[in-house]
Protein backbone atom coordinates (compact mmCIF):
# COMPACT_ATOMS: atom_id res chain seq x y z
CA MET A 1 68.02 -48.78 39.82
CA PRO A 2 65.96 -51.15 37.83
CA ILE A 3 65.06 -54.43 39.76
CA PRO A 4 64.71 -57.48 37.66
CA PRO A 5 60.93 -58.33 37.08
CA GLY A 6 59.34 -61.38 38.67
CA SER A 7 59.34 -62.71 42.05
CA ALA A 8 62.98 -63.41 43.03
CA GLY A 9 62.42 -63.62 46.81
CA LEU A 10 64.43 -66.63 48.29
CA GLY A 11 62.57 -66.66 51.61
CA ARG A 12 63.42 -65.49 55.04
CA SER A 13 65.92 -68.08 55.82
CA LEU A 14 68.15 -66.83 53.07
CA LEU A 15 71.85 -67.24 54.06
CA ARG A 16 74.22 -64.45 53.82
CA ASP A 17 76.38 -66.30 51.24
CA ASP A 18 73.31 -66.75 49.18
CA VAL A 19 72.52 -63.02 49.08
CA TYR A 20 76.10 -62.21 48.08
CA ARG A 21 76.13 -64.95 45.32
CA ARG A 22 72.93 -63.60 44.05
CA LEU A 23 73.97 -60.03 43.79
CA ARG A 24 77.55 -61.22 42.68
CA ASP A 25 76.05 -62.94 39.86
CA ALA A 26 73.69 -60.12 39.02
CA ILE A 27 76.74 -57.85 38.46
CA VAL A 28 78.81 -60.67 36.55
CA ASP A 29 76.04 -61.22 34.10
CA GLY A 30 75.31 -57.58 33.56
CA THR A 31 71.87 -57.44 35.20
CA PHE A 32 73.40 -54.56 37.22
CA ALA A 33 75.48 -52.52 34.59
CA PRO A 34 78.52 -50.71 35.57
CA GLY A 35 77.93 -47.32 36.88
CA GLU A 36 74.41 -48.42 38.31
CA GLN A 37 73.74 -47.38 41.65
CA LEU A 38 72.69 -50.25 44.08
CA ARG A 39 70.28 -49.16 46.83
CA ASP A 40 70.11 -51.68 49.79
CA GLY A 41 66.36 -51.04 50.31
CA GLU A 42 65.23 -51.97 46.88
CA LEU A 43 67.72 -54.97 46.96
CA ALA A 44 66.14 -56.18 50.24
CA GLU A 45 62.63 -56.10 48.73
CA TRP A 46 63.83 -57.85 45.74
CA LEU A 47 65.33 -60.71 47.53
CA GLY A 48 62.85 -60.77 50.32
CA VAL A 49 65.23 -60.46 53.20
CA SER A 50 66.45 -57.57 55.50
CA ARG A 51 68.89 -54.78 54.95
CA THR A 52 71.49 -56.45 57.13
CA PRO A 53 72.77 -59.36 54.68
CA ILE A 54 72.43 -57.00 51.74
CA ARG A 55 74.58 -54.55 53.35
CA GLU A 56 77.12 -57.21 54.33
CA ALA A 57 77.00 -58.52 50.93
CA LEU A 58 77.74 -55.37 49.35
CA LEU A 59 80.86 -54.83 51.70
CA ARG A 60 82.03 -58.26 50.40
CA LEU A 61 81.58 -57.16 46.73
CA GLY A 62 83.42 -54.05 47.43
CA THR A 63 86.73 -56.17 48.53
CA SER A 64 86.23 -58.18 45.20
CA GLY A 65 86.09 -54.86 43.11
CA LEU A 66 82.74 -55.11 41.86
CA VAL A 67 81.30 -52.23 43.59
CA VAL A 68 82.51 -49.10 45.08
CA ALA A 69 80.79 -47.35 48.06
CA VAL A 70 80.76 -43.53 48.85
CA PRO A 71 80.33 -43.18 52.48
CA GLY A 72 76.97 -41.63 53.26
CA ARG A 73 76.31 -41.47 49.40
CA SER A 74 75.69 -44.43 47.20
CA THR A 75 77.03 -47.85 46.50
CA THR A 76 77.74 -48.17 42.64
CA VAL A 77 78.80 -51.15 40.25
CA THR A 78 82.42 -50.65 39.13
CA ALA A 79 83.33 -50.36 35.35
CA ILE A 80 85.46 -53.34 34.14
CA ASP A 81 88.93 -52.34 34.91
CA ALA A 82 91.31 -54.17 32.31
CA ARG A 83 94.41 -53.85 34.43
CA ALA A 84 92.41 -55.34 37.48
CA ALA A 85 90.92 -58.08 35.28
CA ARG A 86 94.27 -59.11 34.10
CA ASP A 87 95.88 -59.20 37.48
CA ALA A 88 93.06 -61.38 38.79
CA ARG A 89 93.24 -63.56 35.90
CA ASP A 90 96.88 -64.15 36.62
CA VAL A 91 96.04 -65.29 40.12
CA ILE A 92 93.22 -67.57 38.83
CA ALA A 93 95.40 -69.13 36.21
CA ALA A 94 98.01 -69.98 39.00
CA MET A 95 95.22 -71.43 41.25
CA HIS A 96 93.80 -73.63 38.55
CA ALA A 97 97.30 -74.77 37.44
CA LEU A 98 97.93 -75.66 40.89
CA ALA A 99 94.83 -77.64 41.38
CA ALA A 100 95.11 -79.56 38.23
CA ARG A 101 98.68 -80.54 39.21
CA GLY A 102 97.25 -81.52 42.49
CA VAL A 103 94.57 -84.01 41.20
CA ALA A 104 96.23 -85.22 37.91
CA GLY A 105 95.60 -89.05 37.81
CA ALA A 106 93.52 -88.87 40.78
CA LEU A 107 90.17 -87.79 39.49
CA SER A 108 87.36 -90.41 39.42
CA PRO A 109 85.87 -91.82 36.29
CA ASP A 110 82.88 -89.93 37.40
CA ASP A 111 84.79 -86.64 37.73
CA LEU A 112 86.20 -86.93 34.23
CA GLU A 113 83.04 -87.80 32.76
CA ARG A 114 81.12 -84.88 34.34
CA MET A 115 84.17 -82.60 33.02
CA ARG A 116 83.69 -84.17 29.55
CA GLU A 117 79.79 -83.60 29.75
CA ALA A 118 80.20 -80.06 30.79
CA ASN A 119 82.40 -79.25 28.09
CA SER A 120 79.88 -80.62 25.63
CA ARG A 121 77.45 -78.39 27.00
CA PHE A 122 79.84 -75.59 26.71
CA ALA A 123 80.40 -76.03 23.11
CA ALA A 124 76.73 -76.48 22.46
CA ALA A 125 75.99 -73.11 24.16
CA LEU A 126 78.75 -71.34 22.23
CA ARG A 127 77.29 -72.59 18.99
CA SER A 128 73.68 -71.49 19.93
CA GLY A 129 75.20 -67.99 21.31
CA ASP A 130 73.75 -68.89 24.79
CA VAL A 131 76.32 -67.02 26.91
CA ASP A 132 74.67 -67.86 30.00
CA ALA A 133 74.67 -71.30 29.48
CA ALA A 134 78.45 -71.26 28.18
CA HIS A 135 79.38 -69.39 31.51
CA ALA A 136 77.74 -71.85 33.74
CA ALA A 137 79.11 -75.02 31.91
CA ASP A 138 82.76 -73.64 31.89
CA GLU A 139 82.27 -72.66 35.71
CA GLU A 140 81.08 -76.11 36.47
CA LEU A 141 83.94 -77.92 34.65
CA HIS A 142 86.59 -75.78 36.46
CA SER A 143 85.22 -76.40 39.82
CA ILE A 144 85.55 -80.20 39.54
CA PRO A 145 89.36 -80.25 39.82
CA LEU A 146 89.06 -77.54 42.59
CA THR A 147 86.57 -79.57 44.53
CA ALA A 148 88.44 -82.68 44.25
CA LEU A 149 91.62 -81.13 45.45
CA GLY A 150 90.02 -79.88 48.62
CA ASN A 151 92.38 -77.13 49.44
CA ARG A 152 90.06 -74.50 51.05
CA ALA A 153 92.70 -71.81 50.89
CA LEU A 154 93.05 -72.07 47.21
CA GLU A 155 89.25 -72.17 46.96
CA SER A 156 88.85 -68.88 48.80
CA VAL A 157 91.29 -67.16 46.62
CA VAL A 158 89.47 -68.30 43.57
CA GLU A 159 86.30 -67.23 45.26
CA HIS A 160 87.58 -63.90 45.76
CA PHE A 161 89.07 -62.99 42.37
CA ASP A 162 86.95 -65.33 40.03
CA PRO A 163 84.00 -62.51 39.83
CA LEU A 164 86.43 -60.19 38.31
CA VAL A 165 87.71 -62.62 35.68
CA ARG A 166 84.25 -63.96 34.91
CA ARG A 167 83.02 -60.32 34.13
CA ALA A 168 85.72 -60.12 31.26
CA GLU A 169 85.15 -63.77 30.43
CA ARG A 170 81.52 -63.20 29.36
CA GLN A 171 82.68 -60.64 26.80
CA ARG A 172 84.76 -63.39 25.28
CA PHE A 173 81.93 -65.94 25.26
CA SER A 174 79.82 -63.35 23.56
CA SER A 175 82.04 -63.39 20.60
CA ASP A 176 84.51 -66.16 20.47
CA GLY A 177 85.54 -68.87 23.03
CA ALA A 178 85.71 -71.84 20.68
CA SER A 179 89.51 -72.16 21.48
CA SER A 180 88.46 -73.04 24.89
CA VAL A 181 86.65 -76.13 24.12
CA GLU A 182 89.82 -77.71 22.70
CA LEU A 183 91.79 -76.66 25.50
CA HIS A 184 89.21 -78.14 28.08
CA ASP A 185 89.44 -81.37 25.94
CA ARG A 186 93.39 -81.29 26.30
CA LEU A 187 93.12 -80.66 30.07
CA ILE A 188 90.74 -83.66 30.71
CA ASP A 189 92.97 -85.76 28.56
CA ARG A 190 96.00 -84.80 30.56
CA LEU A 191 94.32 -85.12 33.97
CA ALA A 192 93.02 -88.75 33.03
CA ALA A 193 96.53 -89.69 31.87
CA GLY A 194 98.12 -88.51 35.29
CA ASP A 195 100.28 -85.88 33.38
CA ALA A 196 100.65 -83.35 36.37
CA ASP A 197 102.92 -80.92 34.35
CA GLY A 198 100.83 -81.23 31.09
CA ALA A 199 97.65 -80.69 33.19
CA SER A 200 99.04 -77.64 35.06
CA GLU A 201 100.32 -76.07 31.81
CA VAL A 202 97.03 -76.40 30.08
CA ALA A 203 95.01 -75.07 32.99
CA PHE A 204 97.32 -71.99 33.31
CA ASP A 205 96.90 -71.37 29.33
CA ILE A 206 92.95 -71.56 29.37
CA TRP A 207 92.73 -68.59 31.57
CA HIS A 208 95.37 -66.76 29.44
CA THR A 209 93.26 -67.07 26.50
CA LEU A 210 91.04 -64.33 27.87
CA PRO A 211 91.63 -60.87 25.62
CA GLU A 212 94.05 -58.51 26.48
CA GLU A 213 92.14 -55.16 26.78
CA GLU A 214 93.69 -51.64 27.39
């Protein structure tokens, strides 16, 4: 298993959630490719932690469908499953539509400005072909209504299914994600206007621009 070069250790005080996020992001961004075996000892050395939080993180990644563990043998990064990604996308779309409906007309001017600024960075990243920056800006934009709503149950559902969707989404951003820029603008306008139905509809549609793969 090739470990990314450089000193990535995060210190002994690294929280379990931090370990999970680092491994999750490495799978989503392709650092750890589908079919690759993940060895807890090597991962522990990479992040500078004990094997215990690594094993806990791998179990969580298994429940999200990002890895599969064969007892007594190995843990392997799963292939991108088109059906699983579509199912997860439908759930994510419904959650973001619910959040948009709940915060329409209630976001602060600062929230709306941060969404606009994130969309500007998203568009610029697409133009330059920077998939990582596009992904980060897109995630930041969509997190603002979720955080503003403050529904922890909804956030937990998104956190669980989002990685599967994001892996598929990166493929779109590497080819054509320009339609999302306009949809983001429409979402922000409807949120600002307090149009709950319109904001919910646009939020739902955004996630259904993902490619349908068989």
